[in-house]
């Protein structure tokens, strides 16, 4: 068995399975709990417009936000109120009805998030 060095960080072990990306413990022993963000990524919120599978209606999709699921719901509520439309949170992604990219970008930047408009 090889020696562990002081600066090595265990990423995966067949002994216990996957590790938490924040606290670096086994997922069963994770201390982050539900407060951990579902997706960390690079910390840049990507805002795009989608129409596929929605009967031609446009939807603004925001993903890549490094926030906990509870905070994601409250942030979605603020964005929906700011845009004056409906929306939903699905699988860690905020969906806002209509083409609201500019309004959402301004609101997220006011909250302190880094944003990019992606897509065409």
N, C-alpha and C. Protein backbone atom coordinates (compact mmCIF):
# COMPACT_ATOMS: atom_id res chain seq x y z
N UNK A 1 0.84 -1.18 0.00
CA UNK A 1 0.00 0.00 0.00
C UNK A 1 0.89 1.24 0.00
N UNK A 2 0.65 2.20 -0.92
CA UNK A 2 1.49 3.38 -0.99
C UNK A 2 1.24 4.31 0.19
N UNK A 3 2.27 5.08 0.50
CA UNK A 3 2.17 6.04 1.59
C UNK A 3 1.35 7.25 1.16
N UNK A 4 0.62 7.82 2.07
CA UNK A 4 -0.12 9.04 1.80
C UNK A 4 0.80 10.23 2.02
N UNK A 5 0.74 11.17 1.11
CA UNK A 5 1.52 12.39 1.30
C UNK A 5 0.63 13.44 1.94
N UNK A 6 1.26 14.42 2.54
CA UNK A 6 0.50 15.43 3.27
C UNK A 6 -0.32 16.32 2.34
N UNK A 7 0.12 16.49 1.09
CA UNK A 7 -0.59 17.40 0.22
C UNK A 7 -1.52 16.69 -0.77
N UNK A 8 -1.70 15.38 -0.64
CA UNK A 8 -2.60 14.68 -1.56
C UNK A 8 -4.03 14.77 -1.05
N UNK A 9 -4.95 14.79 -1.99
CA UNK A 9 -6.36 14.86 -1.63
C UNK A 9 -7.07 13.69 -2.30
N UNK A 10 -7.72 12.85 -1.53
CA UNK A 10 -8.41 11.69 -2.03
C UNK A 10 -9.65 12.13 -2.80
N UNK A 11 -9.80 11.68 -4.04
CA UNK A 11 -10.93 12.05 -4.86
C UNK A 11 -11.96 10.93 -4.92
N UNK A 12 -11.51 9.69 -5.06
CA UNK A 12 -12.42 8.57 -5.13
C UNK A 12 -11.78 7.37 -4.46
N UNK A 13 -12.56 6.63 -3.74
CA UNK A 13 -12.07 5.44 -3.09
C UNK A 13 -13.11 4.35 -3.27
N UNK A 14 -12.67 3.17 -3.63
CA UNK A 14 -13.61 2.06 -3.77
C UNK A 14 -14.08 1.57 -2.42
N UNK A 15 -13.39 1.97 -1.38
CA UNK A 15 -13.75 1.57 -0.03
C UNK A 15 -15.09 2.17 0.38
N UNK A 16 -15.29 3.48 0.14
CA UNK A 16 -16.50 4.11 0.63
C UNK A 16 -17.35 4.75 -0.44
N UNK A 17 -16.89 4.76 -1.66
CA UNK A 17 -17.67 5.37 -2.74
C UNK A 17 -17.27 6.81 -2.98
N UNK A 18 -18.21 7.58 -3.43
CA UNK A 18 -17.95 8.97 -3.80
C UNK A 18 -17.75 9.86 -2.58
N UNK A 19 -17.02 10.97 -2.82
CA UNK A 19 -16.76 11.94 -1.78
C UNK A 19 -17.51 13.23 -2.08
N UNK A 20 -17.85 13.94 -1.03
CA UNK A 20 -18.51 15.24 -1.16
C UNK A 20 -17.51 16.24 -1.73
N UNK A 21 -17.90 17.05 -2.71
CA UNK A 21 -16.97 18.00 -3.29
C UNK A 21 -16.61 19.16 -2.36
N UNK A 22 -17.41 19.39 -1.31
CA UNK A 22 -17.12 20.49 -0.40
C UNK A 22 -16.32 20.06 0.83
N UNK A 23 -16.83 19.06 1.56
CA UNK A 23 -16.17 18.69 2.82
C UNK A 23 -15.21 17.52 2.65
N UNK A 24 -15.18 16.89 1.46
CA UNK A 24 -14.25 15.80 1.13
C UNK A 24 -14.39 14.59 2.05
N UNK A 25 -15.61 14.32 2.47
CA UNK A 25 -15.91 13.12 3.25
C UNK A 25 -16.78 12.21 2.39
N UNK A 26 -16.98 10.98 2.86
CA UNK A 26 -17.88 10.07 2.15
C UNK A 26 -19.27 10.68 2.13
N UNK A 27 -20.03 10.43 1.07
CA UNK A 27 -21.36 11.03 0.96
C UNK A 27 -22.26 10.65 2.12
N UNK A 28 -22.09 9.46 2.66
CA UNK A 28 -22.89 9.05 3.81
C UNK A 28 -22.53 9.83 5.06
N UNK A 29 -21.27 10.30 5.16
CA UNK A 29 -20.80 11.04 6.33
C UNK A 29 -20.70 12.53 6.08
N UNK A 30 -21.26 13.01 5.00
CA UNK A 30 -21.15 14.42 4.61
C UNK A 30 -21.77 15.32 5.68
N UNK A 31 -21.07 16.41 6.00
CA UNK A 31 -21.57 17.36 6.99
C UNK A 31 -22.24 18.55 6.33
N UNK A 32 -22.17 18.62 5.00
CA UNK A 32 -22.78 19.74 4.28
C UNK A 32 -24.30 19.63 4.27
N UNK A 33 -24.80 18.42 4.09
CA UNK A 33 -26.24 18.19 4.10
C UNK A 33 -26.92 18.83 2.91
N UNK A 34 -28.13 19.31 3.11
CA UNK A 34 -28.89 19.92 2.03
C UNK A 34 -28.46 21.34 1.75
N UNK A 35 -27.62 21.91 2.58
CA UNK A 35 -27.16 23.28 2.35
C UNK A 35 -26.11 23.35 1.26
N UNK A 36 -25.62 22.22 0.80
CA UNK A 36 -24.60 22.21 -0.25
C UNK A 36 -25.22 22.51 -1.60
N UNK A 37 -24.54 23.30 -2.43
CA UNK A 37 -25.07 23.56 -3.77
C UNK A 37 -25.13 22.27 -4.58
N UNK A 38 -26.11 22.15 -5.44
CA UNK A 38 -26.24 20.96 -6.27
C UNK A 38 -25.15 20.92 -7.33
N UNK A 39 -24.73 22.09 -7.79
CA UNK A 39 -23.73 22.16 -8.84
C UNK A 39 -22.87 23.39 -8.59
N UNK A 40 -21.58 23.20 -8.43
CA UNK A 40 -20.68 24.34 -8.20
C UNK A 40 -20.22 24.92 -9.53
N UNK A 41 -19.71 24.10 -10.43
CA UNK A 41 -19.25 24.59 -11.73
C UNK A 41 -18.15 25.62 -11.57
N UNK A 42 -18.15 26.61 -12.44
CA UNK A 42 -17.14 27.65 -12.38
C UNK A 42 -17.66 28.91 -11.70
N UNK A 43 -18.87 28.89 -11.18
CA UNK A 43 -19.41 30.02 -10.45
C UNK A 43 -20.02 31.09 -11.33
N UNK A 44 -20.15 30.83 -12.63
CA UNK A 44 -20.73 31.80 -13.55
C UNK A 44 -22.13 31.33 -13.93
N UNK A 45 -23.11 32.19 -13.72
CA UNK A 45 -24.48 31.87 -14.10
C UNK A 45 -24.64 32.06 -15.59
N UNK A 46 -25.15 31.06 -16.27
CA UNK A 46 -25.36 31.14 -17.71
C UNK A 46 -26.85 31.31 -17.98
N UNK A 47 -27.18 32.33 -18.75
CA UNK A 47 -28.56 32.68 -19.03
C UNK A 47 -28.79 32.47 -20.53
N UNK A 48 -29.77 31.63 -20.86
CA UNK A 48 -30.04 31.36 -22.27
C UNK A 48 -31.55 31.31 -22.50
N UNK A 49 -31.91 31.41 -23.77
CA UNK A 49 -33.31 31.34 -24.18
C UNK A 49 -33.54 30.01 -24.88
N UNK A 50 -34.60 29.29 -24.49
CA UNK A 50 -34.92 28.00 -25.08
C UNK A 50 -36.35 28.01 -25.59
N UNK A 51 -36.57 27.28 -26.70
CA UNK A 51 -37.93 27.11 -27.21
C UNK A 51 -38.23 25.65 -27.50
N UNK A 52 -37.23 24.78 -27.46
CA UNK A 52 -37.44 23.37 -27.79
C UNK A 52 -38.38 22.69 -26.80
N UNK A 53 -39.33 21.94 -27.34
CA UNK A 53 -40.23 21.16 -26.51
C UNK A 53 -41.26 21.98 -25.76
N UNK A 54 -41.43 23.25 -26.16
CA UNK A 54 -42.37 24.12 -25.46
C UNK A 54 -43.38 24.73 -26.41
N UNK A 55 -43.58 24.09 -27.55
CA UNK A 55 -44.57 24.58 -28.51
C UNK A 55 -44.21 25.92 -29.11
N UNK A 56 -42.94 26.24 -29.22
CA UNK A 56 -42.49 27.50 -29.80
C UNK A 56 -42.44 28.66 -28.83
N UNK A 57 -42.87 28.45 -27.61
CA UNK A 57 -42.85 29.53 -26.62
C UNK A 57 -41.45 29.64 -26.01
N UNK A 58 -40.99 30.86 -25.81
CA UNK A 58 -39.64 31.10 -25.29
C UNK A 58 -39.63 31.00 -23.77
N UNK A 59 -38.53 30.47 -23.25
CA UNK A 59 -38.31 30.37 -21.81
C UNK A 59 -36.88 30.78 -21.54
N UNK A 60 -36.65 31.58 -20.52
CA UNK A 60 -35.30 31.96 -20.11
C UNK A 60 -34.83 30.93 -19.09
N UNK A 61 -33.68 30.32 -19.37
CA UNK A 61 -33.13 29.28 -18.51
C UNK A 61 -31.84 29.79 -17.87
N UNK A 62 -31.76 29.67 -16.55
CA UNK A 62 -30.58 30.12 -15.81
C UNK A 62 -30.00 28.91 -15.09
N UNK A 63 -28.75 28.57 -15.39
CA UNK A 63 -28.12 27.45 -14.70
C UNK A 63 -26.69 27.83 -14.32
N UNK A 64 -26.10 27.00 -13.49
CA UNK A 64 -24.73 27.24 -13.03
C UNK A 64 -24.62 28.13 -11.82
N UNK A 65 -25.73 28.40 -11.15
CA UNK A 65 -25.68 29.23 -9.94
C UNK A 65 -25.16 28.41 -8.77
N UNK A 66 -24.10 28.85 -8.11
CA UNK A 66 -23.56 28.08 -6.99
C UNK A 66 -24.28 28.40 -5.68
N UNK A 67 -25.54 28.01 -5.58
CA UNK A 67 -26.32 28.26 -4.37
C UNK A 67 -27.03 26.97 -3.95
N UNK A 68 -27.43 26.93 -2.70
CA UNK A 68 -28.16 25.78 -2.17
C UNK A 68 -29.56 25.72 -2.77
N UNK A 69 -30.19 24.54 -2.77
CA UNK A 69 -31.54 24.42 -3.35
C UNK A 69 -32.57 25.35 -2.71
N UNK A 70 -32.48 25.58 -1.40
CA UNK A 70 -33.43 26.49 -0.74
C UNK A 70 -33.25 27.91 -1.25
N UNK A 71 -32.00 28.34 -1.36
CA UNK A 71 -31.71 29.68 -1.83
C UNK A 71 -32.06 29.83 -3.31
N UNK A 72 -31.97 28.73 -4.05
CA UNK A 72 -32.31 28.76 -5.47
C UNK A 72 -33.80 29.05 -5.65
N UNK A 73 -34.63 28.47 -4.80
CA UNK A 73 -36.07 28.72 -4.88
C UNK A 73 -36.40 30.17 -4.54
N UNK A 74 -35.76 30.71 -3.51
CA UNK A 74 -36.04 32.10 -3.14
C UNK A 74 -35.50 33.07 -4.20
N UNK A 75 -34.37 32.73 -4.83
CA UNK A 75 -33.83 33.56 -5.89
C UNK A 75 -34.75 33.52 -7.11
N UNK A 76 -35.30 32.35 -7.42
CA UNK A 76 -36.25 32.23 -8.53
C UNK A 76 -37.49 33.07 -8.26
N UNK A 77 -37.93 33.08 -7.01
CA UNK A 77 -39.11 33.87 -6.66
C UNK A 77 -38.85 35.36 -6.86
N UNK A 78 -37.65 35.82 -6.49
CA UNK A 78 -37.28 37.22 -6.70
C UNK A 78 -37.25 37.56 -8.19
N UNK A 79 -36.67 36.66 -8.98
CA UNK A 79 -36.57 36.90 -10.42
C UNK A 79 -37.95 36.93 -11.08
N UNK A 80 -38.83 36.00 -10.67
CA UNK A 80 -40.17 35.97 -11.23
C UNK A 80 -40.93 37.25 -10.89
N UNK A 81 -40.76 37.72 -9.66
CA UNK A 81 -41.42 38.95 -9.23
C UNK A 81 -40.87 40.14 -10.00
N UNK A 82 -39.55 40.18 -10.19
CA UNK A 82 -38.90 41.28 -10.90
C UNK A 82 -39.35 41.32 -12.36
N UNK A 83 -39.47 40.16 -13.01
CA UNK A 83 -39.87 40.10 -14.42
C UNK A 83 -41.39 40.19 -14.60
N UNK A 84 -42.14 39.89 -13.55
CA UNK A 84 -43.59 39.94 -13.63
C UNK A 84 -44.19 38.76 -14.38
N UNK A 85 -43.51 37.61 -14.32
CA UNK A 85 -43.97 36.42 -15.03
C UNK A 85 -43.87 35.22 -14.11
N UNK A 86 -44.28 34.05 -14.60
CA UNK A 86 -44.18 32.82 -13.84
C UNK A 86 -42.87 32.11 -14.16
N UNK A 87 -42.70 30.97 -13.53
CA UNK A 87 -41.49 30.19 -13.75
C UNK A 87 -41.44 29.02 -12.81
N UNK A 88 -40.29 28.31 -12.84
CA UNK A 88 -40.14 27.13 -12.01
C UNK A 88 -38.66 26.86 -11.77
N UNK A 89 -38.40 26.00 -10.77
CA UNK A 89 -37.06 25.50 -10.51
C UNK A 89 -37.10 24.00 -10.76
N UNK A 90 -36.33 23.52 -11.74
CA UNK A 90 -36.30 22.11 -12.08
C UNK A 90 -34.86 21.64 -12.17
N UNK A 91 -34.50 20.64 -11.37
CA UNK A 91 -33.17 20.03 -11.39
C UNK A 91 -32.05 21.04 -11.24
N UNK A 92 -32.20 21.99 -10.35
CA UNK A 92 -31.15 22.97 -10.11
C UNK A 92 -31.06 24.05 -11.17
N UNK A 93 -32.08 24.17 -12.01
CA UNK A 93 -32.11 25.16 -13.09
C UNK A 93 -33.36 26.02 -12.92
N UNK A 94 -33.20 27.33 -13.06
CA UNK A 94 -34.33 28.25 -12.95
C UNK A 94 -34.88 28.48 -14.35
N UNK A 95 -36.19 28.33 -14.51
CA UNK A 95 -36.86 28.61 -15.77
C UNK A 95 -37.84 29.76 -15.55
N UNK A 96 -37.68 30.82 -16.36
CA UNK A 96 -38.53 32.00 -16.28
C UNK A 96 -39.29 32.10 -17.61
N UNK A 97 -40.60 32.33 -17.55
CA UNK A 97 -41.39 32.39 -18.77
C UNK A 97 -41.05 33.62 -19.60
N UNK A 98 -40.93 33.44 -20.91
CA UNK A 98 -40.67 34.54 -21.82
C UNK A 98 -39.18 34.81 -21.98
N UNK A 99 -38.86 35.73 -22.87
CA UNK A 99 -37.47 36.13 -23.12
C UNK A 99 -37.12 37.25 -22.14
N UNK A 100 -36.60 36.89 -20.99
CA UNK A 100 -36.30 37.84 -19.92
C UNK A 100 -34.79 37.89 -19.63
N UNK A 101 -33.96 37.63 -20.63
CA UNK A 101 -32.52 37.51 -20.39
C UNK A 101 -31.91 38.78 -19.82
N UNK A 102 -32.22 39.93 -20.40
CA UNK A 102 -31.60 41.17 -19.94
C UNK A 102 -32.04 41.54 -18.53
N UNK A 103 -33.31 41.36 -18.25
CA UNK A 103 -33.84 41.67 -16.91
C UNK A 103 -33.22 40.75 -15.86
N UNK A 104 -33.12 39.46 -16.19
CA UNK A 104 -32.54 38.49 -15.25
C UNK A 104 -31.06 38.75 -15.03
N UNK A 105 -30.35 39.11 -16.09
CA UNK A 105 -28.93 39.40 -15.95
C UNK A 105 -28.71 40.60 -15.05
N UNK A 106 -29.48 41.66 -15.24
CA UNK A 106 -29.35 42.85 -14.40
C UNK A 106 -29.67 42.53 -12.94
N UNK A 107 -30.72 41.74 -12.72
CA UNK A 107 -31.12 41.39 -11.35
C UNK A 107 -30.06 40.52 -10.67
N UNK A 108 -29.51 39.54 -11.39
CA UNK A 108 -28.49 38.66 -10.81
C UNK A 108 -27.19 39.41 -10.53
N UNK A 109 -26.81 40.32 -11.41
CA UNK A 109 -25.60 41.11 -11.17
C UNK A 109 -25.79 42.05 -9.99
N UNK A 110 -27.01 42.55 -9.79
CA UNK A 110 -27.29 43.38 -8.61
C UNK A 110 -27.18 42.57 -7.32
N UNK A 111 -27.46 41.25 -7.41
CA UNK A 111 -27.34 40.36 -6.24
C UNK A 111 -25.89 39.95 -6.00
N UNK A 112 -25.00 40.21 -6.97
CA UNK A 112 -23.59 39.91 -6.78
C UNK A 112 -23.09 38.68 -7.53
N UNK A 113 -23.89 38.11 -8.44
CA UNK A 113 -23.49 36.94 -9.21
C UNK A 113 -22.84 37.38 -10.51
N UNK A 114 -21.91 36.56 -11.00
CA UNK A 114 -21.31 36.77 -12.30
C UNK A 114 -22.18 36.07 -13.33
N UNK A 115 -22.56 36.78 -14.39
CA UNK A 115 -23.49 36.24 -15.38
C UNK A 115 -22.93 36.34 -16.78
N UNK A 116 -23.37 35.41 -17.63
CA UNK A 116 -23.06 35.44 -19.05
C UNK A 116 -24.31 35.08 -19.81
N UNK A 117 -24.53 35.78 -20.93
CA UNK A 117 -25.61 35.40 -21.82
C UNK A 117 -25.04 34.35 -22.76
N UNK A 118 -25.64 33.18 -22.82
CA UNK A 118 -25.14 32.11 -23.67
C UNK A 118 -26.17 31.75 -24.71
N UNK A 119 -25.75 31.06 -25.73
CA UNK A 119 -26.65 30.65 -26.79
C UNK A 119 -26.73 31.73 -27.86
N UNK A 120 -27.65 31.56 -28.77
CA UNK A 120 -27.78 32.48 -29.91
C UNK A 120 -28.70 33.56 -29.61
